[in-house]
Amino acid sequence: MKPDLVLGHASMMSYNKDAYDQIKKANIPLFVVEDAQTFDAAYKTFTQIGDLTGTTKEAEKLVSSMQATDKMIRKEATQKVQTKAKVWLEISQIYTQPAKTRSSTKCLPTSKLQTSSRKKATRNTAKSKLSKPRPT
């Protein structure tokens, strides 16, 4: 078997050196892809592989598509979000009492219960102040 081209990655050179040496000794074309640290480096690698494999136009289309997607994502990421948050705020428990139900207690919202308690406390305090003898 004699391949037209072997693609390898630079990171494999350190632990697969024997395999690379065998490929070189067999006079098989070898292209070592460098470790791309940026999008531009990746685009360059795609273009190089396209040139080596006779698929330059396809590689250029791929790079153009990726660049357009990158540009769109960057543009969207810099725009402010226009949607407003929707919030559910619950003050007290939600409850219902079916019609025609007999109940020994009244169902009152918490706010009414607190108001009733405060009125009773105020009345009791007022009564106790009146019933105390005044100092002479």
C-alpha atoms as a PDB file:
ATOM      1  CA  MET A   1       0.000   0.000   0.000  1.00  0.00           C
ATOM      2  CA  LYS A   2       1.374   3.392  -1.021  1.00  0.00           C
ATOM      3  CA  PRO A   3      -0.727   6.390   0.118  1.00  0.00           C
ATOM      4  CA  ASP A   4      -0.579   9.694  -1.773  1.00  0.00           C
ATOM      5  CA  LEU A   5      -0.250  11.684   1.435  1.00  0.00           C
ATOM      6  CA  VAL A   6      -0.136  11.122   5.182  1.00  0.00           C
ATOM      7  CA  LEU A   7      -1.367  13.822   7.549  1.00  0.00           C
ATOM      8  CA  GLY A   8       0.027  13.888  11.071  1.00  0.00           C
ATOM      9  CA  HIS A   9      -0.238  16.238  14.005  1.00  0.00           C
ATOM     10  CA  ALA A  10       2.770  17.915  15.597  1.00  0.00           C
ATOM     11  CA  SER A  11       1.743  16.711  19.059  1.00  0.00           C
ATOM     12  CA  MET A  12       2.258  13.086  17.994  1.00  0.00           C
ATOM     13  CA  MET A  13       5.873  13.591  16.922  1.00  0.00           C
ATOM     14  CA  SER A  14       7.237  13.119  20.432  1.00  0.00           C
ATOM     15  CA  TYR A  15       5.661   9.740  21.161  1.00  0.00           C
ATOM     16  CA  ASN A  16       5.231   8.343  17.628  1.00  0.00           C
ATOM     17  CA  LYS A  17       8.609   9.268  16.162  1.00  0.00           C
ATOM     18  CA  ASP A  18       9.206   5.718  14.854  1.00  0.00           C
ATOM     19  CA  ALA A  19       6.018   5.828  12.769  1.00  0.00           C
ATOM     20  CA  TYR A  20       7.026   9.159  11.238  1.00  0.00           C
ATOM     21  CA  ASP A  21      10.526   7.841  10.485  1.00  0.00           C
ATOM     22  CA  GLN A  22       9.061   4.792   8.706  1.00  0.00           C
ATOM     23  CA  ILE A  23       6.812   7.027   6.576  1.00  0.00           C
ATOM     24  CA  LYS A  24       9.792   9.181   5.575  1.00  0.00           C
ATOM     25  CA  LYS A  25      11.967   6.129   4.760  1.00  0.00           C
ATOM     26  CA  ALA A  26       9.182   4.809   2.527  1.00  0.00           C
ATOM     27  CA  ASN A  27       9.224   8.136   0.605  1.00  0.00           C
ATOM     28  CA  ILE A  28       5.566   8.772   1.379  1.00  0.00           C
ATOM     29  CA  PRO A  29       4.623  12.463   1.405  1.00  0.00           C
ATOM     30  CA  LEU A  30       4.012  13.585   4.991  1.00  0.00           C
ATOM     31  CA  PHE A  31       2.355  16.799   6.102  1.00  0.00           C
ATOM     32  CA  VAL A  32       2.610  17.628   9.786  1.00  0.00           C
ATOM     33  CA  VAL A  33      -0.222  19.837  10.994  1.00  0.00           C
ATOM     34  CA  GLU A  34       0.920  22.362  13.567  1.00  0.00           C
ATOM     35  CA  ASP A  35      -1.072  22.896  16.749  1.00  0.00           C
ATOM     36  CA  ALA A  36      -3.494  25.720  15.890  1.00  0.00           C
ATOM     37  CA  GLN A  37      -3.826  28.143  18.801  1.00  0.00           C
ATOM     38  CA  THR A  38      -6.061  30.638  16.951  1.00  0.00           C
ATOM     39  CA  PHE A  39      -8.851  30.575  14.379  1.00  0.00           C
ATOM     40  CA  ASP A  40      -6.493  32.114  11.809  1.00  0.00           C
ATOM     41  CA  ALA A  41      -3.986  29.299  12.345  1.00  0.00           C
ATOM     42  CA  ALA A  42      -6.767  26.729  11.861  1.00  0.00           C
ATOM     43  CA  TYR A  43      -7.939  28.486   8.674  1.00  0.00           C
ATOM     44  CA  LYS A  44      -4.369  28.385   7.365  1.00  0.00           C
ATOM     45  CA  THR A  45      -4.144  24.647   8.081  1.00  0.00           C
ATOM     46  CA  PHE A  46      -7.443  23.956   6.274  1.00  0.00           C
ATOM     47  CA  THR A  47      -6.221  25.915   3.256  1.00  0.00           C
ATOM     48  CA  GLN A  48      -2.881  24.054   3.223  1.00  0.00           C
ATOM     49  CA  ILE A  49      -4.612  20.669   3.382  1.00  0.00           C
ATOM     50  CA  GLY A  50      -6.980  21.792   0.603  1.00  0.00           C
ATOM     51  CA  ASP A  51      -3.984  22.735  -1.570  1.00  0.00           C
ATOM     52  CA  LEU A  52      -2.224  19.410  -0.862  1.00  0.00           C
ATOM     53  CA  THR A  53      -5.310  17.304  -1.619  1.00  0.00           C
ATOM     54  CA  GLY A  54      -6.533  19.214  -4.678  1.00  0.00           C
ATOM     55  CA  THR A  55      -9.585  20.534  -2.855  1.00  0.00           C
ATOM     56  CA  THR A  56      -8.605  24.193  -2.645  1.00  0.00           C
ATOM     57  CA  LYS A  57     -12.077  25.533  -3.524  1.00  0.00           C
ATOM     58  CA  GLU A  58     -13.762  23.347  -0.900  1.00  0.00           C
ATOM     59  CA  ALA A  59     -11.218  24.425   1.722  1.00  0.00           C
ATOM     60  CA  GLU A  60     -11.778  28.091   0.851  1.00  0.00           C
ATOM     61  CA  LYS A  61     -15.568  27.623   1.163  1.00  0.00           C
ATOM     62  CA  LEU A  62     -15.077  25.986   4.553  1.00  0.00           C
ATOM     63  CA  VAL A  63     -12.848  28.813   5.773  1.00  0.00           C
ATOM     64  CA  SER A  64     -15.263  31.481   4.451  1.00  0.00           C
ATOM     65  CA  SER A  65     -18.203  29.780   6.157  1.00  0.00           C
ATOM     66  CA  MET A  66     -16.335  29.508   9.452  1.00  0.00           C
ATOM     67  CA  GLN A  67     -15.230  33.153   9.271  1.00  0.00           C
ATOM     68  CA  ALA A  68     -18.816  34.296   8.605  1.00  0.00           C
ATOM     69  CA  THR A  69     -20.090  32.258  11.553  1.00  0.00           C
ATOM     70  CA  ASP A  70     -17.352  33.659  13.797  1.00  0.00           C
ATOM     71  CA  LYS A  71     -18.191  37.224  12.717  1.00  0.00           C
ATOM     72  CA  MET A  72     -21.928  36.672  13.381  1.00  0.00           C
ATOM     73  CA  ILE A  73     -21.286  35.197  16.839  1.00  0.00           C
ATOM     74  CA  ARG A  74     -18.966  38.057  17.796  1.00  0.00           C
ATOM     75  CA  LYS A  75     -21.546  40.627  16.630  1.00  0.00           C
ATOM     76  CA  GLU A  76     -24.380  38.963  18.581  1.00  0.00           C
ATOM     77  CA  ALA A  77     -22.198  38.666  21.679  1.00  0.00           C
ATOM     78  CA  THR A  78     -21.620  42.427  21.772  1.00  0.00           C
ATOM     79  CA  GLN A  79     -25.301  43.388  21.468  1.00  0.00           C
ATOM     80  CA  LYS A  80     -27.358  44.119  24.566  1.00  0.00           C
ATOM     81  CA  VAL A  81     -30.155  41.737  25.415  1.00  0.00           C
ATOM     82  CA  GLN A  82     -33.478  43.415  24.611  1.00  0.00           C
ATOM     83  CA  THR A  83     -35.856  40.981  26.305  1.00  0.00           C
ATOM     84  CA  LYS A  84     -37.219  41.913  29.697  1.00  0.00           C
ATOM     85  CA  ALA A  85     -37.249  39.476  32.564  1.00  0.00           C
ATOM     86  CA  LYS A  86     -40.580  38.059  33.669  1.00  0.00           C
ATOM     87  CA  VAL A  87     -40.953  37.722  37.413  1.00  0.00           C
ATOM     88  CA  TRP A  88     -43.468  35.837  39.571  1.00  0.00           C
ATOM     89  CA  LEU A  89     -43.836  37.382  43.006  1.00  0.00           C
ATOM     90  CA  GLU A  90     -45.857  35.476  45.582  1.00  0.00           C
ATOM     91  CA  ILE A  91     -46.806  37.382  48.722  1.00  0.00           C
ATOM     92  CA  SER A  92     -48.784  34.672  50.476  1.00  0.00           C
ATOM     93  CA  GLN A  93     -49.964  31.173  49.776  1.00  0.00           C
ATOM     94  CA  ILE A  94     -52.504  30.701  47.046  1.00  0.00           C
ATOM     95  CA  TYR A  95     -55.639  28.949  48.272  1.00  0.00           C
ATOM     96  CA  THR A  96     -59.284  28.502  47.383  1.00  0.00           C
ATOM     97  CA  GLN A  97     -62.311  27.338  49.288  1.00  0.00           C
ATOM     98  CA  PRO A  98     -65.032  25.609  47.271  1.00  0.00           C
ATOM     99  CA  ALA A  99     -68.475  27.221  47.277  1.00  0.00           C
ATOM    100  CA  LYS A 100     -71.079  25.832  49.683  1.00  0.00           C
ATOM    101  CA  THR A 101     -68.414  24.486  52.020  1.00  0.00           C
ATOM    102  CA  ARG A 102     -68.964  24.729  55.745  1.00  0.00           C
ATOM    103  CA  SER A 103     -65.896  25.693  57.608  1.00  0.00           C
ATOM    104  CA  SER A 104     -65.315  26.265  61.276  1.00  0.00           C
ATOM    105  CA  THR A 105     -62.615  28.805  60.470  1.00  0.00           C
ATOM    106  CA  LYS A 106     -62.617  31.636  58.028  1.00  0.00           C
ATOM    107  CA  CYS A 107     -60.021  31.586  55.281  1.00  0.00           C
ATOM    108  CA  LEU A 108     -58.377  34.969  55.431  1.00  0.00           C
ATOM    109  CA  PRO A 109     -55.303  36.117  53.588  1.00  0.00           C
ATOM    110  CA  THR A 110     -52.261  36.463  55.807  1.00  0.00           C
ATOM    111  CA  SER A 111     -52.333  40.247  55.512  1.00  0.00           C
ATOM    112  CA  LYS A 112     -55.881  40.401  56.988  1.00  0.00           C
ATOM    113  CA  LEU A 113     -54.925  38.062  59.815  1.00  0.00           C
ATOM    114  CA  GLN A 114     -51.998  40.263  60.747  1.00  0.00           C
ATOM    115  CA  THR A 115     -54.156  43.381  60.573  1.00  0.00           C
ATOM    116  CA  SER A 116     -56.822  41.776  62.797  1.00  0.00           C
ATOM    117  CA  SER A 117     -54.180  40.729  65.321  1.00  0.00           C
ATOM    118  CA  ARG A 118     -52.745  44.227  65.393  1.00  0.00           C
ATOM    119  CA  LYS A 119     -56.187  45.782  65.981  1.00  0.00           C
ATOM    120  CA  LYS A 120     -56.894  43.390  68.873  1.00  0.00           C
ATOM    121  CA  ALA A 121     -53.494  44.101  70.393  1.00  0.00           C
ATOM    122  CA  THR A 122     -54.082  47.841  70.088  1.00  0.00           C
ATOM    123  CA  ARG A 123     -57.550  47.529  71.684  1.00  0.00           C
ATOM    124  CA  ASN A 124     -56.189  45.395  74.543  1.00  0.00           C
ATOM    125  CA  THR A 125     -53.375  47.856  75.166  1.00  0.00           C
ATOM    126  CA  ALA A 126     -55.825  50.762  75.199  1.00  0.00           C
ATOM    127  CA  LYS A 127     -58.110  48.941  77.671  1.00  0.00           C
ATOM    128  CA  SER A 128     -55.223  48.075  79.976  1.00  0.00           C
ATOM    129  CA  LYS A 129     -54.065  51.705  80.024  1.00  0.00           C
ATOM    130  CA  LEU A 130     -57.549  52.843  80.991  1.00  0.00           C
ATOM    131  CA  SER A 131     -58.009  50.265  83.745  1.00  0.00           C
ATOM    132  CA  LYS A 132     -54.713  51.039  85.496  1.00  0.00           C
ATOM    133  CA  PRO A 133     -54.973  53.499  88.373  1.00  0.00           C
ATOM    134  CA  ARG A 134     -53.189  56.746  87.799  1.00  0.00           C
ATOM    135  CA  PRO A 135     -50.413  57.671  90.198  1.00  0.00           C
ATOM    136  CA  THR A 136     -51.281  60.485  92.614  1.00  0.00           C
END
